[in-house]
Amino acid sequence: MYKAINYYWRLFATGLSFSVFGLCGIFLRIFVFPILRVTSSSKHKCVLKAQWWVHYGFYFFIGFMHRIGVMTYDIKGLEKLNKPGQLVIANHPTLIDIVFLISRIPAANCIVKEKLWHNPFMKGAVVNAGYISNGDPERMINESVACLKAGGIMIIFPEGTRSIPGNDYKFQRSAAHIALQANTIVTPVTIHCSPSTLTKAEKWYQIPKRRFHLSMRVDDDIVLDDFLAIEPKTIAVRRFNRYLQNYFEKQRECNE
């Protein structure tokens, strides 16, 4: 009886969480971002303020899901984040990975799907926070490199989309391109979710039998010197991309 009550409560709480997420997005778009545009002295300052608002909104959302019993979480190595010009490269097992990361990085930029520019709940955040669209790959890389060289923090999922459970990683080369072209700090972040939920193969209402635990570990920065020395750069990008893919494959094996 208790298990049944717990399951249906978590199902209700999961739906409630996503409803709250959507309402927060609408609230920011209608009430907060217009004020930021009017009161900010420059576009750059407006973008930074918007990123902070998104950060606090995501921080609230993660805390809300935790408090109502949908999830638990732990973070290791948080002190290694939030460095100017830092490229955070992470695996992507669940729908809320980017929410989890931004909730811990106050002024973060990221690459998002082009369709989010047409999503009524997310449009306000992606436009005002200056997030970068994946619609034009060349422009995406150039804008990401410019952000890093200006001292910004970027979050990238090399898979480009959520992992499919049981499948090997297939990393796109854009993260490797950006890292080597910017010649910046590269910090790998490993995310693990147990039991598996909110994957690409699951609907939001297909919840596990118990609340899920999201674990995030920030590892040491990756030294780029050996890859930067490789010529031509196309080979350097391929090798670094392979290195990243192998790195995260090993981390996944350690968690299984």
C-alpha atoms as a PDB file:
ATOM      1  CA  MET A   1       0.000   0.000   0.000  1.00  0.00           C
ATOM      2  CA  TYR A   2       2.784   2.410   0.992  1.00  0.00           C
ATOM      3  CA  LYS A   3       4.673   1.692  -2.257  1.00  0.00           C
ATOM      4  CA  ALA A   4       1.568   2.438  -4.319  1.00  0.00           C
ATOM      5  CA  ILE A   5       0.930   5.725  -2.493  1.00  0.00           C
ATOM      6  CA  ASN A   6       4.571   6.703  -2.878  1.00  0.00           C
ATOM      7  CA  TYR A   7       4.532   5.912  -6.602  1.00  0.00           C
ATOM      8  CA  TYR A   8       1.405   7.920  -7.367  1.00  0.00           C
ATOM      9  CA  TRP A   9       2.601  10.813  -5.247  1.00  0.00           C
ATOM     10  CA  ARG A  10       5.873  10.926  -7.182  1.00  0.00           C
ATOM     11  CA  LEU A  11       3.959  10.735 -10.468  1.00  0.00           C
ATOM     12  CA  PHE A  12       1.832  13.680  -9.387  1.00  0.00           C
ATOM     13  CA  ALA A  13       4.886  15.524  -8.039  1.00  0.00           C
ATOM     14  CA  THR A  14       6.775  14.982 -11.303  1.00  0.00           C
ATOM     15  CA  GLY A  15       3.922  16.483 -13.301  1.00  0.00           C
ATOM     16  CA  LEU A  16       3.685  19.330 -10.796  1.00  0.00           C
ATOM     17  CA  SER A  17       7.425  19.973 -11.122  1.00  0.00           C
ATOM     18  CA  PHE A  18       7.276  20.373 -14.876  1.00  0.00           C
ATOM     19  CA  SER A  19       4.217  22.591 -14.556  1.00  0.00           C
ATOM     20  CA  VAL A  20       6.106  24.809 -12.118  1.00  0.00           C
ATOM     21  CA  PHE A  21       9.060  24.855 -14.528  1.00  0.00           C
ATOM     22  CA  GLY A  22       6.844  26.055 -17.357  1.00  0.00           C
ATOM     23  CA  LEU A  23       5.128  28.706 -15.222  1.00  0.00           C
ATOM     24  CA  CYS A  24       8.498  30.024 -14.051  1.00  0.00           C
ATOM     25  CA  GLY A  25       9.572  30.329 -17.681  1.00  0.00           C
ATOM     26  CA  ILE A  26       6.450  32.332 -18.509  1.00  0.00           C
ATOM     27  CA  PHE A  27       6.908  34.518 -15.410  1.00  0.00           C
ATOM     28  CA  LEU A  28      10.494  35.375 -16.352  1.00  0.00           C
ATOM     29  CA  ARG A  29       9.524  36.099 -19.964  1.00  0.00           C
ATOM     30  CA  ILE A  30       6.598  38.406 -19.105  1.00  0.00           C
ATOM     31  CA  PHE A  31       7.725  40.165 -15.925  1.00  0.00           C
ATOM     32  CA  VAL A  32      11.484  39.867 -15.368  1.00  0.00           C
ATOM     33  CA  PHE A  33      13.283  40.013 -18.717  1.00  0.00           C
ATOM     34  CA  PRO A  34      11.449  43.137 -20.003  1.00  0.00           C
ATOM     35  CA  ILE A  35      12.523  44.988 -16.837  1.00  0.00           C
ATOM     36  CA  LEU A  36      16.126  43.822 -17.298  1.00  0.00           C
ATOM     37  CA  ARG A  37      16.171  45.141 -20.865  1.00  0.00           C
ATOM     38  CA  VAL A  38      14.949  48.559 -19.725  1.00  0.00           C
ATOM     39  CA  THR A  39      17.153  48.906 -16.622  1.00  0.00           C
ATOM     40  CA  SER A  40      20.446  47.450 -17.922  1.00  0.00           C
ATOM     41  CA  SER A  41      23.050  49.905 -19.170  1.00  0.00           C
ATOM     42  CA  SER A  42      24.266  47.560 -21.921  1.00  0.00           C
ATOM     43  CA  LYS A  43      23.250  44.400 -23.733  1.00  0.00           C
ATOM     44  CA  HIS A  44      26.137  42.502 -22.124  1.00  0.00           C
ATOM     45  CA  LYS A  45      24.985  43.426 -18.608  1.00  0.00           C
ATOM     46  CA  CYS A  46      21.414  42.508 -19.518  1.00  0.00           C
ATOM     47  CA  VAL A  47      22.562  39.062 -20.687  1.00  0.00           C
ATOM     48  CA  LEU A  48      24.563  38.492 -17.481  1.00  0.00           C
ATOM     49  CA  LYS A  49      21.580  39.489 -15.319  1.00  0.00           C
ATOM     50  CA  ALA A  50      19.309  37.186 -17.327  1.00  0.00           C
ATOM     51  CA  GLN A  51      21.759  34.312 -16.863  1.00  0.00           C
ATOM     52  CA  TRP A  52      21.705  34.902 -13.110  1.00  0.00           C
ATOM     53  CA  TRP A  53      17.904  34.865 -13.071  1.00  0.00           C
ATOM     54  CA  VAL A  54      17.859  31.592 -15.021  1.00  0.00           C
ATOM     55  CA  HIS A  55      20.452  30.198 -12.592  1.00  0.00           C
ATOM     56  CA  TYR A  56      18.321  31.054  -9.556  1.00  0.00           C
ATOM     57  CA  GLY A  57      15.211  29.704 -11.260  1.00  0.00           C
ATOM     58  CA  PHE A  58      16.932  26.398 -11.985  1.00  0.00           C
ATOM     59  CA  TYR A  59      18.373  26.306  -8.452  1.00  0.00           C
ATOM     60  CA  PHE A  60      14.848  26.697  -7.092  1.00  0.00           C
ATOM     61  CA  PHE A  61      13.536  24.010  -9.455  1.00  0.00           C
ATOM     62  CA  ILE A  62      16.129  21.410  -8.407  1.00  0.00           C
ATOM     63  CA  GLY A  63      15.485  22.215  -4.756  1.00  0.00           C
ATOM     64  CA  PHE A  64      11.732  21.937  -5.322  1.00  0.00           C
ATOM     65  CA  MET A  65      12.040  18.481  -6.926  1.00  0.00           C
ATOM     66  CA  HIS A  66      14.252  17.384  -4.045  1.00  0.00           C
ATOM     67  CA  ARG A  67      11.959  18.674  -1.306  1.00  0.00           C
ATOM     68  CA  ILE A  68       8.771  17.108  -2.669  1.00  0.00           C
ATOM     69  CA  GLY A  69      10.430  13.702  -2.980  1.00  0.00           C
ATOM     70  CA  VAL A  70      10.984  13.331  -6.732  1.00  0.00           C
ATOM     71  CA  MET A  71      14.772  13.151  -6.577  1.00  0.00           C
ATOM     72  CA  THR A  72      17.915  13.255  -4.451  1.00  0.00           C
ATOM     73  CA  TYR A  73      21.318  14.438  -5.609  1.00  0.00           C
ATOM     74  CA  ASP A  74      24.961  14.834  -4.695  1.00  0.00           C
ATOM     75  CA  ILE A  75      27.761  16.940  -6.159  1.00  0.00           C
ATOM     76  CA  LYS A  76      31.504  16.366  -5.930  1.00  0.00           C
ATOM     77  CA  GLY A  77      34.158  18.848  -6.997  1.00  0.00           C
ATOM     78  CA  LEU A  78      31.878  21.891  -7.230  1.00  0.00           C
ATOM     79  CA  GLU A  79      34.817  24.132  -6.341  1.00  0.00           C
ATOM     80  CA  LYS A  80      36.377  23.293  -9.736  1.00  0.00           C
ATOM     81  CA  LEU A  81      33.613  25.129 -11.601  1.00  0.00           C
ATOM     82  CA  ASN A  82      32.974  28.832 -12.239  1.00  0.00           C
ATOM     83  CA  LYS A  83      36.350  29.767 -13.719  1.00  0.00           C
ATOM     84  CA  PRO A  84      36.469  32.544 -16.333  1.00  0.00           C
ATOM     85  CA  GLY A  85      36.819  31.136 -19.834  1.00  0.00           C
ATOM     86  CA  GLN A  86      35.871  27.614 -18.737  1.00  0.00           C
ATOM     87  CA  LEU A  87      34.413  25.062 -21.126  1.00  0.00           C
ATOM     88  CA  VAL A  88      32.346  22.510 -19.201  1.00  0.00           C
ATOM     89  CA  ILE A  89      31.917  19.280 -21.152  1.00  0.00           C
ATOM     90  CA  ALA A  90      29.385  16.787 -19.782  1.00  0.00           C
ATOM     91  CA  ASN A  91      27.557  13.621 -20.689  1.00  0.00           C
ATOM     92  CA  HIS A  92      23.795  13.872 -21.075  1.00  0.00           C
ATOM     93  CA  PRO A  93      21.759  11.013 -19.534  1.00  0.00           C
ATOM     94  CA  THR A  94      18.608  12.913 -18.492  1.00  0.00           C
ATOM     95  CA  LEU A  95      16.298  15.757 -19.478  1.00  0.00           C
ATOM     96  CA  ILE A  96      17.324  17.939 -16.536  1.00  0.00           C
ATOM     97  CA  ASP A  97      21.140  17.768 -16.913  1.00  0.00           C
ATOM     98  CA  ILE A  98      21.418  21.326 -18.201  1.00  0.00           C
ATOM     99  CA  VAL A  99      19.084  22.530 -15.448  1.00  0.00           C
ATOM    100  CA  PHE A 100      21.266  20.811 -12.854  1.00  0.00           C
ATOM    101  CA  LEU A 101      24.484  22.294 -14.244  1.00  0.00           C
ATOM    102  CA  ILE A 102      23.197  25.861 -14.617  1.00  0.00           C
ATOM    103  CA  SER A 103      21.759  25.688 -11.097  1.00  0.00           C
ATOM    104  CA  ARG A 104      25.396  25.484  -9.943  1.00  0.00           C
ATOM    105  CA  ILE A 105      26.944  27.940 -12.428  1.00  0.00           C
ATOM    106  CA  PRO A 106      25.474  31.456 -11.979  1.00  0.00           C
ATOM    107  CA  ALA A 107      26.710  32.982 -15.247  1.00  0.00           C
ATOM    108  CA  ALA A 108      26.712  30.187 -17.813  1.00  0.00           C
ATOM    109  CA  ASN A 109      26.161  30.101 -21.537  1.00  0.00           C
ATOM    110  CA  CYS A 110      25.202  26.949 -23.406  1.00  0.00           C
ATOM    111  CA  ILE A 111      24.272  25.535 -26.783  1.00  0.00           C
ATOM    112  CA  VAL A 112      20.570  24.761 -27.147  1.00  0.00           C
ATOM    113  CA  LYS A 113      18.369  23.279 -29.822  1.00  0.00           C
ATOM    114  CA  GLU A 114      17.039  25.761 -32.354  1.00  0.00           C
ATOM    115  CA  LYS A 115      13.443  24.700 -31.706  1.00  0.00           C
ATOM    116  CA  LEU A 116      13.614  26.175 -28.190  1.00  0.00           C
ATOM    117  CA  TRP A 117      13.511  29.635 -29.802  1.00  0.00           C
ATOM    118  CA  HIS A 118       9.877  28.775 -30.614  1.00  0.00           C
ATOM    119  CA  ASN A 119       9.018  27.198 -27.245  1.00  0.00           C
ATOM    120  CA  PRO A 120       6.739  29.591 -25.288  1.00  0.00           C
ATOM    121  CA  PHE A 121       8.117  28.381 -21.934  1.00  0.00           C
ATOM    122  CA  MET A 122      11.824  28.560 -22.844  1.00  0.00           C
ATOM    123  CA  LYS A 123      11.998  31.304 -25.470  1.00  0.00           C
ATOM    124  CA  GLY A 124      12.385  34.087 -22.924  1.00  0.00           C
ATOM    125  CA  ALA A 125      15.319  32.378 -21.225  1.00  0.00           C
ATOM    126  CA  VAL A 126      17.255  31.316 -24.328  1.00  0.00           C
ATOM    127  CA  VAL A 127      16.886  34.708 -26.028  1.00  0.00           C
ATOM    128  CA  ASN A 128      17.592  36.987 -23.056  1.00  0.00           C
ATOM    129  CA  ALA A 129      20.373  34.867 -21.539  1.00  0.00           C
ATOM    130  CA  GLY A 130      22.220  34.897 -24.864  1.00  0.00           C
ATOM    131  CA  TYR A 131      22.253  31.140 -25.338  1.00  0.00           C
ATOM    132  CA  ILE A 132      23.670  29.861 -28.608  1.00  0.00           C
ATOM    133  CA  SER A 133      21.566  28.036 -31.204  1.00  0.00           C
ATOM    134  CA  ASN A 134      22.772  24.828 -32.845  1.00  0.00           C
ATOM    135  CA  GLY A 135      20.932  25.764 -36.052  1.00  0.00           C
ATOM    136  CA  ASP A 136      24.073  26.948 -37.891  1.00  0.00           C
ATOM    137  CA  PRO A 137      27.092  24.787 -36.876  1.00  0.00           C
ATOM    138  CA  GLU A 138      29.750  27.238 -38.073  1.00  0.00           C
ATOM    139  CA  ARG A 139      28.126  30.183 -36.348  1.00  0.00           C
ATOM    140  CA  MET A 140      27.595  28.071 -33.239  1.00  0.00           C
ATOM    141  CA  ILE A 141      31.312  27.275 -33.017  1.00  0.00           C
ATOM    142  CA  ASN A 142      32.374  30.870 -33.679  1.00  0.00           C
ATOM    143  CA  GLU A 143      30.005  32.299 -31.065  1.00  0.00           C
ATOM    144  CA  SER A 144      31.066  29.702 -28.491  1.00  0.00           C
ATOM    145  CA  VAL A 145      34.758  30.446 -29.056  1.00  0.00           C
ATOM    146  CA  ALA A 146      34.108  34.186 -28.793  1.00  0.00           C
ATOM    147  CA  CYS A 147      32.217  33.655 -25.514  1.00  0.00           C
ATOM    148  CA  LEU A 148      35.098  31.671 -24.003  1.00  0.00           C
ATOM    149  CA  LYS A 149      37.774  34.104 -25.179  1.00  0.00           C
ATOM    150  CA  ALA A 150      35.793  36.927 -23.571  1.00  0.00           C
ATOM    151  CA  GLY A 151      35.937  35.096 -20.235  1.00  0.00           C
ATOM    152  CA  GLY A 152      32.495  33.483 -20.348  1.00  0.00           C
ATOM    153  CA  ILE A 153      31.630  29.983 -19.192  1.00  0.00           C
ATOM    154  CA  MET A 154      30.202  27.505 -21.710  1.00  0.00           C
ATOM    155  CA  ILE A 155      28.373  24.226 -21.085  1.00  0.00           C
ATOM    156  CA  ILE A 156      28.386  21.692 -23.903  1.00  0.00           C
ATOM    157  CA  PHE A 157      27.039  18.166 -24.296  1.00  0.00           C
ATOM    158  CA  PRO A 158      29.157  16.573 -27.060  1.00  0.00           C
ATOM    159  CA  GLU A 159      26.410  14.044 -27.799  1.00  0.00           C
ATOM    160  CA  GLY A 160      24.176  16.886 -28.921  1.00  0.00           C
ATOM    161  CA  THR A 161      21.161  15.160 -27.380  1.00  0.00           C
ATOM    162  CA  ARG A 162      20.359  12.825 -24.507  1.00  0.00           C
ATOM    163  CA  SER A 163      22.026   9.422 -24.362  1.00  0.00           C
ATOM    164  CA  ILE A 164      20.096   6.337 -25.367  1.00  0.00           C
ATOM    165  CA  PRO A 165      20.486   3.783 -22.550  1.00  0.00           C
ATOM    166  CA  GLY A 166      22.575   0.795 -23.613  1.00  0.00           C
ATOM    167  CA  ASN A 167      24.016   2.522 -26.698  1.00  0.00           C
ATOM    168  CA  ASP A 168      27.625   3.611 -27.137  1.00  0.00           C
ATOM    169  CA  TYR A 169      28.383   7.310 -27.002  1.00  0.00           C
ATOM    170  CA  LYS A 170      28.531   9.089 -30.351  1.00  0.00           C
ATOM    171  CA  PHE A 171      30.123  12.477 -29.801  1.00  0.00           C
ATOM    172  CA  GLN A 172      29.840  15.261 -32.332  1.00  0.00           C
ATOM    173  CA  ARG A 173      33.084  17.128 -33.022  1.00  0.00           C
ATOM    174  CA  SER A 174      31.788  20.597 -32.203  1.00  0.00           C
ATOM    175  CA  ALA A 175      32.935  20.457 -28.553  1.00  0.00           C
ATOM    176  CA  ALA A 176      36.437  19.418 -29.624  1.00  0.00           C
ATOM    177  CA  HIS A 177      36.486  22.171 -32.273  1.00  0.00           C
ATOM    178  CA  ILE A 178      35.475  24.801 -29.722  1.00  0.00           C
ATOM    179  CA  ALA A 179      37.944  23.618 -27.077  1.00  0.00           C
ATOM    180  CA  LEU A 180      40.963  23.630 -29.377  1.00  0.00           C
ATOM    181  CA  GLN A 181      40.039  26.796 -31.225  1.00  0.00           C
ATOM    182  CA  ALA A 182      39.489  28.704 -27.971  1.00  0.00           C
ATOM    183  CA  ASN A 183      42.508  27.058 -26.263  1.00  0.00           C
ATOM    184  CA  THR A 184      40.774  27.407 -22.940  1.00  0.00           C
ATOM    185  CA  ILE A 185      40.088  25.565 -19.678  1.00  0.00           C
ATOM    186  CA  VAL A 186      38.294  22.289 -20.384  1.00  0.00           C
ATOM    187  CA  THR A 187      36.564  20.683 -17.405  1.00  0.00           C
ATOM    188  CA  PRO A 188      34.799  17.321 -17.747  1.00  0.00           C
ATOM    189  CA  VAL A 189      31.671  16.715 -15.674  1.00  0.00           C
ATOM    190  CA  THR A 190      30.230  13.235 -15.279  1.00  0.00           C
ATOM    191  CA  ILE A 191      26.499  12.923 -14.586  1.00  0.00           C
ATOM    192  CA  HIS A 192      24.940   9.656 -13.443  1.00  0.00           C
ATOM    193  CA  CYS A 193      21.262   8.975 -12.804  1.00  0.00           C
ATOM    194  CA  SER A 194      19.988   5.956 -10.856  1.00  0.00           C
ATOM    195  CA  PRO A 195      17.508   4.509 -11.528  1.00  0.00           C
ATOM    196  CA  SER A 196      17.438   5.679 -15.115  1.00  0.00           C
ATOM    197  CA  THR A 197      14.693   8.205 -15.888  1.00  0.00           C
ATOM    198  CA  LEU A 198      13.898  11.190 -18.129  1.00  0.00           C
ATOM    199  CA  THR A 199      16.017   9.681 -20.897  1.00  0.00           C
ATOM    200  CA  LYS A 200      15.438  10.134 -24.605  1.00  0.00           C
ATOM    201  CA  ALA A 201      13.625   6.786 -24.659  1.00  0.00           C
ATOM    202  CA  GLU A 202      11.191   7.665 -21.841  1.00  0.00           C
ATOM    203  CA  LYS A 203       8.247  10.003 -21.366  1.00  0.00           C
ATOM    204  CA  TRP A 204       8.159  12.234 -18.295  1.00  0.00           C
ATOM    205  CA  TYR A 205       5.382  10.149 -16.746  1.00  0.00           C
ATOM    206  CA  GLN A 206       7.326   6.886 -17.045  1.00  0.00           C
ATOM    207  CA  ILE A 207       8.824   7.303 -13.596  1.00  0.00           C
ATOM    208  CA  PRO A 208      10.966   4.691 -11.806  1.00  0.00           C
ATOM    209  CA  LYS A 209       9.777   2.599  -8.867  1.00  0.00           C
ATOM    210  CA  ARG A 210      11.686   4.806  -6.448  1.00  0.00           C
ATOM    211  CA  ARG A 211      12.850   8.411  -6.502  1.00  0.00           C
ATOM    212  CA  PHE A 212      15.899   8.873  -8.655  1.00  0.00           C
ATOM    213  CA  HIS A 213      19.339  10.017  -7.543  1.00  0.00           C
ATOM    214  CA  LEU A 214      21.324  12.389  -9.730  1.00  0.00           C
ATOM    215  CA  SER A 215      25.059  12.420  -9.125  1.00  0.00           C
ATOM    216  CA  MET A 216      27.401  15.033 -10.594  1.00  0.00           C
ATOM    217  CA  ARG A 217      31.175  14.781 -10.358  1.00  0.00           C
ATOM    218  CA  VAL A 218      33.458  17.583 -11.574  1.00  0.00           C
ATOM    219  CA  ASP A 219      36.821  16.159 -12.597  1.00  0.00           C
ATOM    220  CA  ASP A 220      40.216  17.793 -13.085  1.00  0.00           C
ATOM    221  CA  ASP A 221      40.793  20.014 -16.097  1.00  0.00           C
ATOM    222  CA  ILE A 222      42.015  18.357 -19.296  1.00  0.00           C
ATOM    223  CA  VAL A 223      45.429  19.479 -20.520  1.00  0.00           C
ATOM    224  CA  LEU A 224      45.201  20.429 -24.196  1.00  0.00           C
ATOM    225  CA  ASP A 225      48.915  20.849 -24.994  1.00  0.00           C
ATOM    226  CA  ASP A 226      49.377  17.501 -26.750  1.00  0.00           C
ATOM    227  CA  PHE A 227      46.300  18.048 -28.921  1.00  0.00           C
ATOM    228  CA  LEU A 228      47.179  21.659 -29.764  1.00  0.00           C
ATOM    229  CA  ALA A 229      50.550  20.468 -31.066  1.00  0.00           C
ATOM    230  CA  ILE A 230      48.943  18.145 -33.652  1.00  0.00           C
ATOM    231  CA  GLU A 231      48.811  19.270 -37.281  1.00  0.00           C
ATOM    232  CA  PRO A 232      46.635  19.593 -39.261  1.00  0.00           C
ATOM    233  CA  LYS A 233      43.959  20.832 -36.886  1.00  0.00           C
ATOM    234  CA  THR A 234      41.321  18.551 -38.390  1.00  0.00           C
ATOM    235  CA  ILE A 235      43.280  15.544 -37.095  1.00  0.00           C
ATOM    236  CA  ALA A 236      43.718  17.234 -33.715  1.00  0.00           C
ATOM    237  CA  VAL A 237      39.951  17.712 -33.468  1.00  0.00           C
ATOM    238  CA  ARG A 238      39.266  14.067 -34.364  1.00  0.00           C
ATOM    239  CA  ARG A 239      41.750  12.790 -31.797  1.00  0.00           C
ATOM    240  CA  PHE A 240      40.481  15.052 -29.049  1.00  0.00           C
ATOM    241  CA  ASN A 241      36.909  14.083 -29.817  1.00  0.00           C
ATOM    242  CA  ARG A 242      37.902  10.411 -29.586  1.00  0.00           C
ATOM    243  CA  TYR A 243      39.679  11.134 -26.303  1.00  0.00           C
ATOM    244  CA  LEU A 244      36.537  12.740 -24.868  1.00  0.00           C
ATOM    245  CA  GLN A 245      34.342   9.887 -26.013  1.00  0.00           C
ATOM    246  CA  ASN A 246      36.659   7.276 -24.509  1.00  0.00           C
ATOM    247  CA  TYR A 247      36.914   9.302 -21.309  1.00  0.00           C
ATOM    248  CA  PHE A 248      33.175   9.377 -20.741  1.00  0.00           C
ATOM    249  CA  GLU A 249      32.780   5.729 -21.762  1.00  0.00           C
ATOM    250  CA  LYS A 250      35.211   4.794 -18.972  1.00  0.00           C
ATOM    251  CA  GLN A 251      33.344   6.962 -16.477  1.00  0.00           C
ATOM    252  CA  ARG A 252      30.061   5.264 -17.424  1.00  0.00           C
ATOM    253  CA  GLU A 253      31.627   1.823 -16.964  1.00  0.00           C
ATOM    254  CA  CYS A 254      32.796   2.844 -13.493  1.00  0.00           C
ATOM    255  CA  ASN A 255      29.230   3.786 -12.538  1.00  0.00           C
ATOM    256  CA  GLU A 256      27.677   0.559 -13.790  1.00  0.00           C
END
